[in-house]
């Protein structure tokens, strides 16, 4: 993120990064899968840029395939990007691509977003 970026956006980007890293911890703890390459990418580039790099890649990353196999696409960077709280971090085209990738793998994006919204309401 450029140094001149809005501090609110920087805080939001930092929160997005933490959400991605939290997902990595859940995968390691609950599913015995540690996405080491993805973690390195997130720590090196920040979550927003890492998500963009993965979106621009041809096909899907190996970690995405593992998440799909474990029925855990809700922990993917694509699913995290689609949360309304992070909408301002991505272009409409990026959001559309993330949604399309998930839907192509049979993921019910709208059900996931309702679930995430319900969890957020419980936290408040």
N, C-alpha and C. Protein backbone atom coordinates (compact mmCIF):
# COMPACT_ATOMS: atom_id res chain seq x y z
N UNK A 1 0.86 -1.18 0.00
CA UNK A 1 0.00 0.00 0.00
C UNK A 1 0.90 1.23 0.00
N UNK A 2 0.61 2.23 -0.84
CA UNK A 2 1.46 3.42 -0.92
C UNK A 2 1.43 4.21 0.38
N UNK A 3 2.54 4.88 0.71
CA UNK A 3 2.61 5.63 1.96
C UNK A 3 1.55 6.71 2.07
N UNK A 4 1.05 7.21 0.95
CA UNK A 4 0.06 8.28 0.98
C UNK A 4 -1.37 7.76 1.16
N UNK A 5 -1.51 6.46 1.29
CA UNK A 5 -2.85 5.88 1.42
C UNK A 5 -3.51 6.37 2.70
N UNK A 6 -4.82 6.45 2.65
CA UNK A 6 -5.64 6.87 3.78
C UNK A 6 -5.35 5.95 4.98
N UNK A 7 -5.14 6.53 6.18
CA UNK A 7 -4.87 5.70 7.36
C UNK A 7 -5.99 4.71 7.67
N UNK A 8 -7.22 5.08 7.35
CA UNK A 8 -8.34 4.16 7.56
C UNK A 8 -8.16 2.94 6.68
N UNK A 9 -7.79 3.18 5.41
CA UNK A 9 -7.54 2.07 4.49
C UNK A 9 -6.38 1.21 4.96
N UNK A 10 -5.35 1.84 5.52
CA UNK A 10 -4.20 1.08 6.02
C UNK A 10 -4.62 0.20 7.19
N UNK A 11 -5.46 0.72 8.07
CA UNK A 11 -5.95 -0.09 9.19
C UNK A 11 -6.82 -1.23 8.69
N UNK A 12 -7.65 -0.95 7.70
CA UNK A 12 -8.51 -1.97 7.13
C UNK A 12 -7.67 -3.05 6.44
N UNK A 13 -6.64 -2.62 5.72
CA UNK A 13 -5.75 -3.58 5.06
C UNK A 13 -5.03 -4.44 6.09
N UNK A 14 -4.64 -3.84 7.20
CA UNK A 14 -3.98 -4.60 8.27
C UNK A 14 -4.95 -5.62 8.87
N UNK A 15 -6.21 -5.22 9.02
CA UNK A 15 -7.22 -6.15 9.54
C UNK A 15 -7.46 -7.30 8.57
N UNK A 16 -7.49 -6.99 7.27
CA UNK A 16 -7.64 -8.02 6.25
C UNK A 16 -6.47 -9.01 6.33
N UNK A 17 -5.26 -8.47 6.45
CA UNK A 17 -4.07 -9.33 6.58
C UNK A 17 -4.21 -10.24 7.79
N UNK A 18 -4.63 -9.69 8.92
CA UNK A 18 -4.79 -10.51 10.13
C UNK A 18 -5.85 -11.58 9.95
N UNK A 19 -6.94 -11.24 9.26
CA UNK A 19 -7.97 -12.25 8.99
C UNK A 19 -7.42 -13.40 8.15
N UNK A 20 -6.60 -13.09 7.16
CA UNK A 20 -5.98 -14.14 6.35
C UNK A 20 -5.06 -15.02 7.21
N UNK A 21 -4.26 -14.38 8.06
CA UNK A 21 -3.35 -15.14 8.91
C UNK A 21 -4.11 -15.96 9.96
N UNK A 22 -5.22 -15.42 10.44
CA UNK A 22 -6.08 -16.20 11.36
C UNK A 22 -6.59 -17.46 10.66
N UNK A 23 -6.97 -17.31 9.39
CA UNK A 23 -7.41 -18.47 8.62
C UNK A 23 -6.32 -19.52 8.51
N UNK A 24 -5.09 -19.07 8.34
CA UNK A 24 -3.94 -20.00 8.29
C UNK A 24 -3.81 -20.76 9.61
N UNK A 25 -4.00 -20.05 10.73
CA UNK A 25 -3.89 -20.70 12.04
C UNK A 25 -4.99 -21.73 12.23
N UNK A 26 -6.20 -21.41 11.79
CA UNK A 26 -7.33 -22.36 11.88
C UNK A 26 -7.03 -23.60 11.06
N UNK A 27 -6.53 -23.41 9.86
CA UNK A 27 -6.20 -24.55 8.99
C UNK A 27 -5.16 -25.45 9.63
N UNK A 28 -4.13 -24.84 10.22
CA UNK A 28 -3.08 -25.64 10.85
C UNK A 28 -3.62 -26.38 12.07
N UNK A 29 -4.38 -25.69 12.89
CA UNK A 29 -4.88 -26.27 14.13
C UNK A 29 -5.96 -27.32 13.88
N UNK A 30 -6.94 -26.99 13.05
CA UNK A 30 -8.12 -27.84 12.91
C UNK A 30 -8.02 -28.87 11.78
N UNK A 31 -7.15 -28.61 10.80
CA UNK A 31 -7.13 -29.48 9.63
C UNK A 31 -5.75 -30.04 9.31
N UNK A 32 -4.76 -29.68 10.13
CA UNK A 32 -3.42 -30.21 9.91
C UNK A 32 -2.78 -29.73 8.62
N UNK A 33 -3.22 -28.61 8.12
CA UNK A 33 -2.65 -28.06 6.88
C UNK A 33 -2.10 -26.68 7.16
N UNK A 34 -0.81 -26.51 6.92
CA UNK A 34 -0.18 -25.20 7.11
C UNK A 34 0.22 -24.64 5.75
N UNK A 35 -0.48 -23.60 5.30
CA UNK A 35 -0.18 -23.01 3.99
C UNK A 35 1.04 -22.10 4.07
N UNK A 36 2.23 -22.68 4.22
CA UNK A 36 3.45 -21.93 4.47
C UNK A 36 3.76 -20.93 3.37
N UNK A 37 3.60 -21.32 2.12
CA UNK A 37 3.90 -20.42 1.01
C UNK A 37 2.95 -19.22 1.03
N UNK A 38 1.67 -19.48 1.29
CA UNK A 38 0.68 -18.40 1.36
C UNK A 38 1.01 -17.47 2.53
N UNK A 39 1.34 -18.03 3.69
CA UNK A 39 1.70 -17.20 4.85
C UNK A 39 2.87 -16.29 4.53
N UNK A 40 3.89 -16.85 3.89
CA UNK A 40 5.06 -16.05 3.51
C UNK A 40 4.65 -14.90 2.58
N UNK A 41 3.80 -15.22 1.62
CA UNK A 41 3.35 -14.21 0.67
C UNK A 41 2.58 -13.09 1.38
N UNK A 42 1.72 -13.47 2.30
CA UNK A 42 0.93 -12.47 3.04
C UNK A 42 1.85 -11.60 3.91
N UNK A 43 2.81 -12.22 4.57
CA UNK A 43 3.72 -11.45 5.43
C UNK A 43 4.64 -10.55 4.61
N UNK A 44 5.04 -11.02 3.44
CA UNK A 44 5.95 -10.24 2.60
C UNK A 44 5.24 -9.09 1.89
N UNK A 45 4.07 -9.35 1.33
CA UNK A 45 3.38 -8.35 0.51
C UNK A 45 2.20 -7.68 1.19
N UNK A 46 1.77 -8.21 2.33
CA UNK A 46 0.52 -7.76 2.94
C UNK A 46 -0.62 -8.53 2.32
N UNK A 47 -1.71 -8.65 3.05
CA UNK A 47 -2.83 -9.47 2.60
C UNK A 47 -3.47 -9.00 1.32
N UNK A 48 -3.63 -7.69 1.16
CA UNK A 48 -4.32 -7.16 -0.02
C UNK A 48 -3.53 -7.50 -1.28
N UNK A 49 -2.24 -7.22 -1.26
CA UNK A 49 -1.44 -7.49 -2.46
C UNK A 49 -1.31 -9.00 -2.69
N UNK A 50 -1.19 -9.78 -1.63
CA UNK A 50 -1.12 -11.24 -1.78
C UNK A 50 -2.40 -11.76 -2.44
N UNK A 51 -3.53 -11.26 -2.01
CA UNK A 51 -4.80 -11.68 -2.60
C UNK A 51 -4.85 -11.30 -4.08
N UNK A 52 -4.37 -10.11 -4.40
CA UNK A 52 -4.35 -9.68 -5.80
C UNK A 52 -3.42 -10.56 -6.64
N UNK A 53 -2.26 -10.87 -6.10
CA UNK A 53 -1.32 -11.73 -6.82
C UNK A 53 -1.94 -13.10 -7.10
N UNK A 54 -2.62 -13.64 -6.12
CA UNK A 54 -3.26 -14.94 -6.31
C UNK A 54 -4.38 -14.87 -7.33
N UNK A 55 -5.12 -13.78 -7.33
CA UNK A 55 -6.20 -13.61 -8.31
C UNK A 55 -5.65 -13.54 -9.74
N UNK A 56 -4.51 -12.89 -9.89
CA UNK A 56 -3.92 -12.73 -11.23
C UNK A 56 -3.28 -14.01 -11.74
N UNK A 57 -3.02 -14.95 -10.84
CA UNK A 57 -2.39 -16.20 -11.26
C UNK A 57 -3.32 -17.01 -12.15
N UNK A 58 -2.73 -17.77 -13.03
CA UNK A 58 -3.53 -18.63 -13.91
C UNK A 58 -4.07 -19.80 -13.10
N UNK A 59 -5.34 -20.05 -13.21
CA UNK A 59 -5.94 -21.16 -12.47
C UNK A 59 -6.00 -20.86 -10.99
N UNK A 60 -5.91 -21.91 -10.18
CA UNK A 60 -5.98 -21.72 -8.74
C UNK A 60 -4.67 -22.17 -8.11
N UNK A 61 -4.35 -21.58 -6.99
CA UNK A 61 -3.14 -21.95 -6.26
C UNK A 61 -3.37 -23.29 -5.57
N UNK A 62 -2.28 -23.96 -5.24
CA UNK A 62 -2.37 -25.26 -4.58
C UNK A 62 -3.15 -25.19 -3.28
N UNK A 63 -2.98 -24.10 -2.54
CA UNK A 63 -3.69 -23.95 -1.27
C UNK A 63 -5.20 -23.87 -1.47
N UNK A 64 -5.62 -23.22 -2.53
CA UNK A 64 -7.05 -23.11 -2.84
C UNK A 64 -7.62 -24.52 -3.07
N UNK A 65 -6.86 -25.33 -3.79
CA UNK A 65 -7.30 -26.70 -4.07
C UNK A 65 -7.43 -27.49 -2.77
N UNK A 66 -6.47 -27.32 -1.87
CA UNK A 66 -6.54 -28.02 -0.58
C UNK A 66 -7.78 -27.56 0.20
N UNK A 67 -8.04 -26.26 0.20
CA UNK A 67 -9.23 -25.74 0.90
C UNK A 67 -10.49 -26.33 0.28
N UNK A 68 -10.53 -26.41 -1.04
CA UNK A 68 -11.69 -26.98 -1.72
C UNK A 68 -11.86 -28.45 -1.31
N UNK A 69 -10.76 -29.20 -1.30
CA UNK A 69 -10.82 -30.62 -0.92
C UNK A 69 -11.30 -30.80 0.51
N UNK A 70 -10.95 -29.86 1.39
CA UNK A 70 -11.32 -29.95 2.81
C UNK A 70 -12.66 -29.25 3.08
N UNK A 71 -13.32 -28.80 2.02
CA UNK A 71 -14.59 -28.08 2.14
C UNK A 71 -14.45 -26.85 3.05
N UNK A 72 -13.35 -26.11 2.86
CA UNK A 72 -13.07 -24.95 3.69
C UNK A 72 -12.77 -23.70 2.86
N UNK A 73 -13.45 -23.55 1.73
CA UNK A 73 -13.20 -22.37 0.90
C UNK A 73 -13.56 -21.06 1.59
N UNK A 74 -14.33 -21.14 2.65
CA UNK A 74 -14.65 -19.94 3.43
C UNK A 74 -13.42 -19.32 4.07
N UNK A 75 -12.32 -20.09 4.16
CA UNK A 75 -11.08 -19.57 4.71
C UNK A 75 -10.14 -19.05 3.62
N UNK A 76 -10.56 -19.11 2.37
CA UNK A 76 -9.71 -18.66 1.27
C UNK A 76 -9.60 -17.14 1.23
N UNK A 77 -8.54 -16.66 0.59
CA UNK A 77 -8.41 -15.22 0.42
C UNK A 77 -9.56 -14.67 -0.41
N UNK A 78 -10.04 -15.47 -1.37
CA UNK A 78 -11.16 -15.02 -2.21
C UNK A 78 -12.41 -14.79 -1.37
N UNK A 79 -12.72 -15.73 -0.47
CA UNK A 79 -13.91 -15.57 0.37
C UNK A 79 -13.74 -14.40 1.34
N UNK A 80 -12.54 -14.21 1.84
CA UNK A 80 -12.29 -13.10 2.76
C UNK A 80 -12.44 -11.76 2.02
N UNK A 81 -11.99 -11.71 0.79
CA UNK A 81 -12.13 -10.48 -0.02
C UNK A 81 -13.58 -10.06 -0.18
N UNK A 82 -14.48 -11.03 -0.21
CA UNK A 82 -15.89 -10.74 -0.49
C UNK A 82 -16.65 -10.21 0.72
N UNK A 83 -16.05 -10.24 1.88
CA UNK A 83 -16.74 -9.70 3.06
C UNK A 83 -16.98 -8.20 2.84
N UNK A 84 -18.19 -7.75 3.13
CA UNK A 84 -18.53 -6.33 2.90
C UNK A 84 -17.55 -5.36 3.57
N UNK A 85 -17.01 -5.72 4.70
CA UNK A 85 -16.09 -4.82 5.40
C UNK A 85 -14.85 -4.50 4.56
N UNK A 86 -14.50 -5.41 3.64
CA UNK A 86 -13.27 -5.23 2.86
C UNK A 86 -13.53 -4.75 1.43
N UNK A 87 -14.75 -4.42 1.11
CA UNK A 87 -15.12 -4.04 -0.26
C UNK A 87 -14.27 -2.88 -0.79
N UNK A 88 -13.94 -1.93 0.06
CA UNK A 88 -13.20 -0.75 -0.41
C UNK A 88 -11.74 -1.05 -0.75
N UNK A 89 -11.25 -2.23 -0.38
CA UNK A 89 -9.85 -2.58 -0.63
C UNK A 89 -9.62 -3.13 -2.04
N UNK A 90 -10.71 -3.52 -2.72
CA UNK A 90 -10.57 -4.20 -4.00
C UNK A 90 -11.45 -3.54 -5.07
N UNK A 91 -11.04 -3.71 -6.31
CA UNK A 91 -11.83 -3.18 -7.42
C UNK A 91 -13.04 -4.09 -7.65
N UNK A 92 -14.07 -3.56 -8.29
CA UNK A 92 -15.22 -4.41 -8.63
C UNK A 92 -14.81 -5.63 -9.46
N UNK A 93 -13.84 -5.47 -10.37
CA UNK A 93 -13.38 -6.60 -11.18
C UNK A 93 -12.71 -7.67 -10.32
N UNK A 94 -11.93 -7.24 -9.32
CA UNK A 94 -11.28 -8.21 -8.43
C UNK A 94 -12.32 -8.98 -7.62
N UNK A 95 -13.33 -8.27 -7.13
CA UNK A 95 -14.39 -8.90 -6.37
C UNK A 95 -15.15 -9.91 -7.24
N UNK A 96 -15.44 -9.51 -8.46
CA UNK A 96 -16.14 -10.39 -9.38
C UNK A 96 -15.31 -11.65 -9.68
N UNK A 97 -14.03 -11.49 -9.89
CA UNK A 97 -13.16 -12.62 -10.16
C UNK A 97 -13.10 -13.57 -8.96
N UNK A 98 -12.99 -13.01 -7.76
CA UNK A 98 -12.96 -13.83 -6.55
C UNK A 98 -14.26 -14.62 -6.41
N UNK A 99 -15.39 -13.95 -6.62
CA UNK A 99 -16.70 -14.61 -6.53
C UNK A 99 -16.80 -15.72 -7.58
N UNK A 100 -16.41 -15.41 -8.80
CA UNK A 100 -16.50 -16.39 -9.88
C UNK A 100 -15.65 -17.63 -9.58
N UNK A 101 -14.45 -17.41 -9.08
CA UNK A 101 -13.56 -18.54 -8.77
C UNK A 101 -14.21 -19.45 -7.72
N UNK A 102 -14.78 -18.85 -6.70
CA UNK A 102 -15.44 -19.63 -5.65
C UNK A 102 -16.65 -20.39 -6.20
N UNK A 103 -17.47 -19.68 -6.95
CA UNK A 103 -18.68 -20.30 -7.49
C UNK A 103 -18.35 -21.43 -8.47
N UNK A 104 -17.27 -21.29 -9.22
CA UNK A 104 -16.84 -22.35 -10.14
C UNK A 104 -16.46 -23.63 -9.40
N UNK A 105 -16.16 -23.49 -8.12
CA UNK A 105 -15.80 -24.64 -7.30
C UNK A 105 -16.95 -25.08 -6.38
N UNK A 106 -18.15 -24.62 -6.73
CA UNK A 106 -19.35 -25.07 -6.02
C UNK A 106 -19.56 -24.41 -4.67
N UNK A 107 -18.89 -23.31 -4.40
CA UNK A 107 -19.01 -22.63 -3.12
C UNK A 107 -20.20 -21.69 -3.15
N UNK A 108 -21.07 -21.77 -2.15
CA UNK A 108 -22.24 -20.89 -2.06
C UNK A 108 -21.81 -19.58 -1.38
N UNK A 109 -21.42 -18.63 -2.21
CA UNK A 109 -20.90 -17.36 -1.72
C UNK A 109 -21.93 -16.63 -0.86
N UNK A 110 -23.16 -16.56 -1.34
CA UNK A 110 -24.18 -15.80 -0.61
C UNK A 110 -24.46 -16.41 0.76
N UNK A 111 -24.52 -17.73 0.84
CA UNK A 111 -24.72 -18.39 2.15
C UNK A 111 -23.54 -18.10 3.07
N UNK A 112 -22.35 -18.12 2.52
CA UNK A 112 -21.16 -17.83 3.33
C UNK A 112 -21.21 -16.39 3.87
N UNK A 113 -21.58 -15.45 3.01
CA UNK A 113 -21.63 -14.06 3.45
C UNK A 113 -22.71 -13.84 4.51
N UNK A 114 -23.83 -14.55 4.39
CA UNK A 114 -24.86 -14.46 5.44
C UNK A 114 -24.32 -15.01 6.76
N UNK A 115 -23.61 -16.12 6.68
CA UNK A 115 -23.03 -16.73 7.89
C UNK A 115 -22.03 -15.77 8.55
N UNK A 116 -21.14 -15.20 7.74
CA UNK A 116 -20.13 -14.26 8.25
C UNK A 116 -20.82 -13.06 8.89
N UNK A 117 -21.86 -12.54 8.24
CA UNK A 117 -22.59 -11.38 8.78
C UNK A 117 -23.23 -11.74 10.13
N UNK A 118 -23.79 -12.95 10.23
CA UNK A 118 -24.39 -13.40 11.47
C UNK A 118 -23.37 -13.52 12.58
N UNK A 119 -22.17 -14.01 12.26
CA UNK A 119 -21.10 -14.12 13.25
C UNK A 119 -20.65 -12.76 13.71
N UNK A 120 -20.60 -11.81 12.79
CA UNK A 120 -20.18 -10.44 13.15
C UNK A 120 -21.21 -9.81 14.08
N UNK A 121 -22.49 -10.09 13.85
CA UNK A 121 -23.53 -9.55 14.72
C UNK A 121 -23.41 -10.10 16.14
N UNK A 122 -22.99 -11.35 16.26
CA UNK A 122 -22.85 -11.98 17.58
C UNK A 122 -21.67 -11.43 18.35
N UNK A 123 -20.63 -10.96 17.64
CA UNK A 123 -19.44 -10.43 18.28
C UNK A 123 -19.73 -9.08 18.93
N UNK A 124 -20.60 -8.29 18.30
CA UNK A 124 -20.87 -6.92 18.76
C UNK A 124 -21.56 -6.88 20.09
